[in-house]
PDB file of N, CA and C in Angstrom:
ATOM      1  N   MET A   1     -18.588  -0.297 -74.405  1.00  0.00           N
ATOM      2  CA  MET A   1     -17.216  -0.514 -74.225  1.00  0.00           C
ATOM      3  C   MET A   1     -16.436   0.568 -74.997  1.00  0.00           C
ATOM      4  N   THR A   2     -15.487   1.224 -74.333  1.00  0.00           N
ATOM      5  CA  THR A   2     -14.616   2.205 -75.016  1.00  0.00           C
ATOM      6  C   THR A   2     -13.295   1.531 -75.299  1.00  0.00           C
ATOM      7  N   SER A   3     -12.668   1.984 -76.345  1.00  0.00           N
ATOM      8  CA  SER A   3     -11.355   1.474 -76.747  1.00  0.00           C
ATOM      9  C   SER A   3     -10.473   2.642 -77.188  1.00  0.00           C
ATOM     10  N   ASP A   4      -9.559   3.028 -76.359  1.00  0.00           N
ATOM     11  CA  ASP A   4      -8.685   4.171 -76.636  1.00  0.00           C
ATOM     12  C   ASP A   4      -7.329   3.648 -77.149  1.00  0.00           C
ATOM     13  N   LEU A   5      -6.931   4.132 -78.316  1.00  0.00           N
ATOM     14  CA  LEU A   5      -5.658   3.743 -78.921  1.00  0.00           C
ATOM     15  C   LEU A   5      -4.518   4.419 -78.163  1.00  0.00           C
ATOM     16  N   TRP A   6      -3.580   3.618 -77.598  1.00  0.00           N
ATOM     17  CA  TRP A   6      -2.438   4.142 -76.874  1.00  0.00           C
ATOM     18  C   TRP A   6      -1.260   4.287 -77.793  1.00  0.00           C
ATOM     19  N   GLU A   7      -0.988   3.264 -78.587  1.00  0.00           N
ATOM     20  CA  GLU A   7       0.239   3.274 -79.413  1.00  0.00           C
ATOM     21  C   GLU A   7       0.055   2.284 -80.565  1.00  0.00           C
ATOM     22  N   VAL A   8       0.711   2.601 -81.715  1.00  0.00           N
ATOM     23  CA  VAL A   8       0.703   1.696 -82.848  1.00  0.00           C
ATOM     24  C   VAL A   8       2.144   1.498 -83.291  1.00  0.00           C
ATOM     25  N   ARG A   9       2.529   0.245 -83.538  1.00  0.00           N
ATOM     26  CA  ARG A   9       3.845  -0.081 -84.085  1.00  0.00           C
ATOM     27  C   ARG A   9       3.602  -0.795 -85.418  1.00  0.00           C
ATOM     28  N   THR A  10       4.282  -0.341 -86.487  1.00  0.00           N
ATOM     29  CA  THR A  10       4.193  -0.960 -87.730  1.00  0.00           C
ATOM     30  C   THR A  10       5.289  -1.999 -87.853  1.00  0.00           C
ATOM     31  N   LEU A  11       4.919  -3.206 -88.270  1.00  0.00           N
ATOM     32  CA  LEU A  11       5.826  -4.323 -88.396  1.00  0.00           C
ATOM     33  C   LEU A  11       5.934  -4.724 -89.859  1.00  0.00           C
ATOM     34  N   PRO A  12       6.887  -5.602 -90.220  1.00  0.00           N
ATOM     35  CA  PRO A  12       6.966  -6.009 -91.640  1.00  0.00           C
ATOM     36  C   PRO A  12       5.730  -6.690 -92.147  1.00  0.00           C
ATOM     37  N   ASP A  13       5.606  -6.744 -93.456  1.00  0.00           N
ATOM     38  CA  ASP A  13       4.534  -7.422 -94.148  1.00  0.00           C
ATOM     39  C   ASP A  13       3.143  -6.808 -93.879  1.00  0.00           C
ATOM     40  N   GLY A  14       3.116  -5.514 -93.637  1.00  0.00           N
ATOM     41  CA  GLY A  14       1.834  -4.847 -93.461  1.00  0.00           C
ATOM     42  C   GLY A  14       1.149  -5.149 -92.141  1.00  0.00           C
ATOM     43  N   LEU A  15       1.873  -5.666 -91.180  1.00  0.00           N
ATOM     44  CA  LEU A  15       1.289  -6.022 -89.859  1.00  0.00           C
ATOM     45  C   LEU A  15       1.468  -4.846 -88.939  1.00  0.00           C
ATOM     46  N   ALA A  16       0.424  -4.514 -88.189  1.00  0.00           N
ATOM     47  CA  ALA A  16       0.496  -3.460 -87.191  1.00  0.00           C
ATOM     48  C   ALA A  16       0.121  -3.999 -85.832  1.00  0.00           C
ATOM     49  N   LEU A  17       0.772  -3.489 -84.827  1.00  0.00           N
ATOM     50  CA  LEU A  17       0.524  -3.889 -83.442  1.00  0.00           C
ATOM     51  C   LEU A  17      -0.037  -2.657 -82.739  1.00  0.00           C
ATOM     52  N   GLU A  18      -1.265  -2.787 -82.225  1.00  0.00           N
ATOM     53  CA  GLU A  18      -1.905  -1.666 -81.531  1.00  0.00           C
ATOM     54  C   GLU A  18      -2.030  -2.033 -80.024  1.00  0.00           C
ATOM     55  N   LEU A  19      -1.772  -1.071 -79.222  1.00  0.00           N
ATOM     56  CA  LEU A  19      -2.019  -1.214 -77.769  1.00  0.00           C
ATOM     57  C   LEU A  19      -3.209  -0.330 -77.455  1.00  0.00           C
ATOM     58  N   ARG A  20      -4.258  -0.884 -76.880  1.00  0.00           N
ATOM     59  CA  ARG A  20      -5.507  -0.166 -76.636  1.00  0.00           C
ATOM     60  C   ARG A  20      -5.850  -0.133 -75.193  1.00  0.00           C
ATOM     61  N   GLY A  21      -6.448   0.924 -74.732  1.00  0.00           N
ATOM     62  CA  GLY A  21      -6.931   1.081 -73.374  1.00  0.00           C
ATOM     63  C   GLY A  21      -8.429   1.072 -73.359  1.00  0.00           C
ATOM     64  N   GLY A  22      -9.017   1.647 -72.337  1.00  0.00           N
ATOM     65  CA  GLY A  22     -10.442   1.674 -72.251  1.00  0.00           C
ATOM     66  C   GLY A  22     -10.981   0.659 -71.263  1.00  0.00           C
ATOM     67  N   ASP A  23     -12.233   0.242 -71.457  1.00  0.00           N
ATOM     68  CA  ASP A  23     -12.864  -0.720 -70.572  1.00  0.00           C
ATOM     69  C   ASP A  23     -12.171  -2.060 -70.582  1.00  0.00           C
ATOM     70  N   LYS A  24     -11.711  -2.496 -71.732  1.00  0.00           N
ATOM     71  CA  LYS A  24     -11.019  -3.792 -71.904  1.00  0.00           C
ATOM     72  C   LYS A  24      -9.705  -3.561 -72.630  1.00  0.00           C
ATOM     73  N   PRO A  25      -8.672  -3.195 -71.878  1.00  0.00           N
ATOM     74  CA  PRO A  25      -7.377  -2.921 -72.535  1.00  0.00           C
ATOM     75  C   PRO A  25      -6.828  -4.201 -73.140  1.00  0.00           C
ATOM     76  N   GLY A  26      -6.027  -4.028 -74.222  1.00  0.00           N
ATOM     77  CA  GLY A  26      -5.447  -5.186 -74.831  1.00  0.00           C
ATOM     78  C   GLY A  26      -4.531  -4.878 -75.984  1.00  0.00           C
ATOM     79  N   LEU A  27      -4.127  -5.927 -76.630  1.00  0.00           N
ATOM     80  CA  LEU A  27      -3.212  -5.899 -77.763  1.00  0.00           C
ATOM     81  C   LEU A  27      -4.049  -6.318 -79.020  1.00  0.00           C
ATOM     82  N   VAL A  28      -3.861  -5.567 -80.069  1.00  0.00           N
ATOM     83  CA  VAL A  28      -4.562  -5.887 -81.324  1.00  0.00           C
ATOM     84  C   VAL A  28      -3.537  -6.017 -82.418  1.00  0.00           C
ATOM     85  N   LEU A  29      -3.527  -7.199 -83.076  1.00  0.00           N
ATOM     86  CA  LEU A  29      -2.697  -7.393 -84.292  1.00  0.00           C
ATOM     87  C   LEU A  29      -3.581  -7.162 -85.478  1.00  0.00           C
ATOM     88  N   VAL A  30      -3.079  -6.306 -86.412  1.00  0.00           N
ATOM     89  CA  VAL A  30      -3.895  -5.925 -87.554  1.00  0.00           C
ATOM     90  C   VAL A  30      -3.084  -6.202 -88.839  1.00  0.00           C
ATOM     91  N   GLN A  31      -3.718  -6.867 -89.798  1.00  0.00           N
ATOM     92  CA  GLN A  31      -3.110  -7.020 -91.125  1.00  0.00           C
ATOM     93  C   GLN A  31      -4.248  -6.926 -92.113  1.00  0.00           C
ATOM     94  N   GLY A  32      -4.250  -5.818 -92.854  1.00  0.00           N
ATOM     95  CA  GLY A  32      -5.348  -5.581 -93.789  1.00  0.00           C
ATOM     96  C   GLY A  32      -6.621  -5.390 -93.001  1.00  0.00           C
ATOM     97  N   SER A  33      -7.662  -6.156 -93.434  1.00  0.00           N
ATOM     98  CA  SER A  33      -8.943  -6.056 -92.675  1.00  0.00           C
ATOM     99  C   SER A  33      -9.018  -7.102 -91.562  1.00  0.00           C
ATOM    100  N   ASP A  34      -7.992  -7.931 -91.390  1.00  0.00           N
ATOM    101  CA  ASP A  34      -7.980  -8.926 -90.321  1.00  0.00           C
ATOM    102  C   ASP A  34      -7.481  -8.376 -89.003  1.00  0.00           C
ATOM    103  N   ARG A  35      -8.151  -8.725 -87.921  1.00  0.00           N
ATOM    104  CA  ARG A  35      -7.767  -8.245 -86.576  1.00  0.00           C
ATOM    105  C   ARG A  35      -7.788  -9.426 -85.596  1.00  0.00           C
ATOM    106  N   VAL A  36      -6.754  -9.471 -84.763  1.00  0.00           N
ATOM    107  CA  VAL A  36      -6.746 -10.449 -83.639  1.00  0.00           C
ATOM    108  C   VAL A  36      -6.637  -9.606 -82.387  1.00  0.00           C
ATOM    109  N   ILE A  37      -7.591  -9.753 -81.474  1.00  0.00           N
ATOM    110  CA  ILE A  37      -7.626  -9.000 -80.247  1.00  0.00           C
ATOM    111  C   ILE A  37      -7.336  -9.917 -79.089  1.00  0.00           C
ATOM    112  N   VAL A  38      -6.338  -9.487 -78.256  1.00  0.00           N
ATOM    113  CA  VAL A  38      -5.970 -10.237 -77.074  1.00  0.00           C
ATOM    114  C   VAL A  38      -6.149  -9.350 -75.880  1.00  0.00           C
ATOM    115  N   GLU A  39      -7.028  -9.712 -74.940  1.00  0.00           N
ATOM    116  CA  GLU A  39      -7.269  -8.912 -73.753  1.00  0.00           C
ATOM    117  C   GLU A  39      -5.996  -8.849 -72.917  1.00  0.00           C
ATOM    118  N   LEU A  40      -5.798  -7.765 -72.236  1.00  0.00           N
ATOM    119  CA  LEU A  40      -4.578  -7.512 -71.462  1.00  0.00           C
ATOM    120  C   LEU A  40      -4.249  -8.677 -70.504  1.00  0.00           C
ATOM    121  N   ALA A  41      -5.248  -9.253 -69.932  1.00  0.00           N
ATOM    122  CA  ALA A  41      -5.033 -10.353 -68.958  1.00  0.00           C
ATOM    123  C   ALA A  41      -4.348 -11.544 -69.614  1.00  0.00           C
ATOM    124  N   HIS A  42      -4.424 -11.686 -70.958  1.00  0.00           N
ATOM    125  CA  HIS A  42      -3.875 -12.834 -71.654  1.00  0.00           C
ATOM    126  C   HIS A  42      -2.646 -12.525 -72.503  1.00  0.00           C
ATOM    127  N   VAL A  43      -2.202 -11.266 -72.526  1.00  0.00           N
ATOM    128  CA  VAL A  43      -1.115 -10.875 -73.420  1.00  0.00           C
ATOM    129  C   VAL A  43       0.175 -11.606 -73.085  1.00  0.00           C
ATOM    130  N   LYS A  44       0.511 -11.718 -71.790  1.00  0.00           N
ATOM    131  CA  LYS A  44       1.770 -12.389 -71.385  1.00  0.00           C
ATOM    132  C   LYS A  44       1.738 -13.830 -71.844  1.00  0.00           C
ATOM    133  N   THR A  45       0.663 -14.512 -71.744  1.00  0.00           N
ATOM    134  CA  THR A  45       0.541 -15.912 -72.146  1.00  0.00           C
ATOM    135  C   THR A  45       0.718 -16.063 -73.636  1.00  0.00           C
ATOM    136  N   VAL A  46       0.112 -15.157 -74.427  1.00  0.00           N
ATOM    137  CA  VAL A  46       0.240 -15.231 -75.857  1.00  0.00           C
ATOM    138  C   VAL A  46       1.667 -14.962 -76.303  1.00  0.00           C
ATOM    139  N   ILE A  47       2.345 -13.959 -75.712  1.00  0.00           N
ATOM    140  CA  ILE A  47       3.706 -13.672 -76.040  1.00  0.00           C
ATOM    141  C   ILE A  47       4.625 -14.815 -75.680  1.00  0.00           C
ATOM    142  N   ALA A  48       4.446 -15.440 -74.545  1.00  0.00           N
ATOM    143  CA  ALA A  48       5.247 -16.598 -74.159  1.00  0.00           C
ATOM    144  C   ALA A  48       5.078 -17.732 -75.120  1.00  0.00           C
ATOM    145  N   ALA A  49       3.853 -17.987 -75.545  1.00  0.00           N
ATOM    146  CA  ALA A  49       3.545 -19.080 -76.484  1.00  0.00           C
ATOM    147  C   ALA A  49       4.222 -18.780 -77.868  1.00  0.00           C
ATOM    148  N   MET A  50       4.180 -17.544 -78.300  1.00  0.00           N
ATOM    149  CA  MET A  50       4.821 -17.170 -79.559  1.00  0.00           C
ATOM    150  C   MET A  50       6.360 -17.318 -79.496  1.00  0.00           C
ATOM    151  N   GLY A  51       6.921 -16.977 -78.324  1.00  0.00           N
ATOM    152  CA  GLY A  51       8.351 -17.177 -78.121  1.00  0.00           C
ATOM    153  C   GLY A  51       8.747 -18.637 -78.157  1.00  0.00           C
ATOM    154  N   ASP A  52       7.926 -19.466 -77.490  1.00  0.00           N
ATOM    155  CA  ASP A  52       8.192 -20.917 -77.492  1.00  0.00           C
ATOM    156  C   ASP A  52       8.110 -21.496 -78.907  1.00  0.00           C
ATOM    157  N   ALA A  53       7.091 -21.047 -79.667  1.00  0.00           N
ATOM    158  CA  ALA A  53       6.946 -21.506 -81.039  1.00  0.00           C
ATOM    159  C   ALA A  53       8.123 -21.130 -81.913  1.00  0.00           C
ATOM    160  N   ALA A  54       8.563 -19.861 -81.776  1.00  0.00           N
ATOM    161  CA  ALA A  54       9.744 -19.392 -82.532  1.00  0.00           C
ATOM    162  C   ALA A  54      10.987 -20.154 -82.169  1.00  0.00           C
ATOM    163  N   GLU A  55      11.143 -20.472 -80.886  1.00  0.00           N
ATOM    164  CA  GLU A  55      12.316 -21.260 -80.444  1.00  0.00           C
ATOM    165  C   GLU A  55      12.252 -22.672 -81.049  1.00  0.00           C
ATOM    166  N   ASP A  56      11.076 -23.308 -81.046  1.00  0.00           N
ATOM    167  CA  ASP A  56      10.910 -24.641 -81.615  1.00  0.00           C
ATOM    168  C   ASP A  56      11.245 -24.607 -83.135  1.00  0.00           C
ATOM    169  N   LEU A  57      10.717 -23.622 -83.826  1.00  0.00           N
ATOM    170  CA  LEU A  57      10.953 -23.505 -85.277  1.00  0.00           C
ATOM    171  C   LEU A  57      12.452 -23.301 -85.545  1.00  0.00           C
ATOM    172  N   ALA A  58      13.129 -22.470 -84.763  1.00  0.00           N
ATOM    173  CA  ALA A  58      14.557 -22.250 -84.950  1.00  0.00           C
ATOM    174  C   ALA A  58      15.338 -23.536 -84.704  1.00  0.00           C
ATOM    175  N   ALA A  59      14.938 -24.370 -83.751  1.00  0.00           N
ATOM    176  CA  ALA A  59      15.610 -25.603 -83.481  1.00  0.00           C
ATOM    177  C   ALA A  59      15.409 -26.612 -84.638  1.00  0.00           C
ATOM    178  N   VAL A  60      14.243 -26.682 -85.202  1.00  0.00           N
ATOM    179  CA  VAL A  60      13.966 -27.575 -86.313  1.00  0.00           C
ATOM    180  C   VAL A  60      14.814 -27.115 -87.528  1.00  0.00           C
ATOM    181  N   LEU A  61      14.806 -25.849 -87.834  1.00  0.00           N
ATOM    182  CA  LEU A  61      15.582 -25.347 -88.973  1.00  0.00           C
ATOM    183  C   LEU A  61      17.061 -25.506 -88.757  1.00  0.00           C
ATOM    184  N   ALA A  62      17.569 -25.330 -87.557  1.00  0.00           N
ATOM    185  CA  ALA A  62      19.002 -25.545 -87.280  1.00  0.00           C
ATOM    186  C   ALA A  62      19.421 -26.944 -87.431  1.00  0.00           C
ATOM    187  N   ALA A  63      18.496 -27.876 -87.175  1.00  0.00           N
ATOM    188  CA  ALA A  63      18.801 -29.306 -87.265  1.00  0.00           C
ATOM    189  C   ALA A  63      18.681 -29.807 -88.730  1.00  0.00           C
ATOM    190  N   GLY A  64      18.309 -28.914 -89.613  1.00  0.00           N
ATOM    191  CA  GLY A  64      18.164 -29.276 -91.044  1.00  0.00           C
ATOM    192  C   GLY A  64      16.802 -29.821 -91.388  1.00  0.00           C
ATOM    193  N   GLY A  65      15.850 -29.606 -90.540  1.00  0.00           N
ATOM    194  CA  GLY A  65      14.478 -30.031 -90.861  1.00  0.00           C
ATOM    195  C   GLY A  65      13.840 -29.142 -91.903  1.00  0.00           C
ATOM    196  N   VAL A  66      12.715 -29.552 -92.377  1.00  0.00           N
ATOM    197  CA  VAL A  66      11.988 -28.779 -93.369  1.00  0.00           C
ATOM    198  C   VAL A  66      10.714 -28.297 -92.747  1.00  0.00           C
ATOM    199  N   TYR A  67      10.509 -26.991 -92.848  1.00  0.00           N
ATOM    200  CA  TYR A  67       9.290 -26.378 -92.294  1.00  0.00           C
ATOM    201  C   TYR A  67       8.270 -26.247 -93.431  1.00  0.00           C
ATOM    202  N   HIS A  68       7.053 -26.681 -93.144  1.00  0.00           N
ATOM    203  CA  HIS A  68       5.929 -26.539 -94.112  1.00  0.00           C
ATOM    204  C   HIS A  68       4.908 -25.651 -93.535  1.00  0.00           C
ATOM    205  N   ALA A  69       4.617 -24.547 -94.209  1.00  0.00           N
ATOM    206  CA  ALA A  69       3.616 -23.576 -93.719  1.00  0.00           C
ATOM    207  C   ALA A  69       2.221 -24.019 -94.112  1.00  0.00           C
TER     208      ALA A  69
END
């Protein structure tokens, strides 16, 4: 399997977002030595789920709820 790096975006808190090509293109979230790899076929689903979670969290915080990490 080959993995060609297309682009890297640096995000806050030492998080990096890598877009990779090759045999199995995908999205890689990197923080330190930790890596989360999402194959291209599943990227849209993961992004939609993250958007939904952020929306839910914003609604809880706006209503005066307490968020526990």
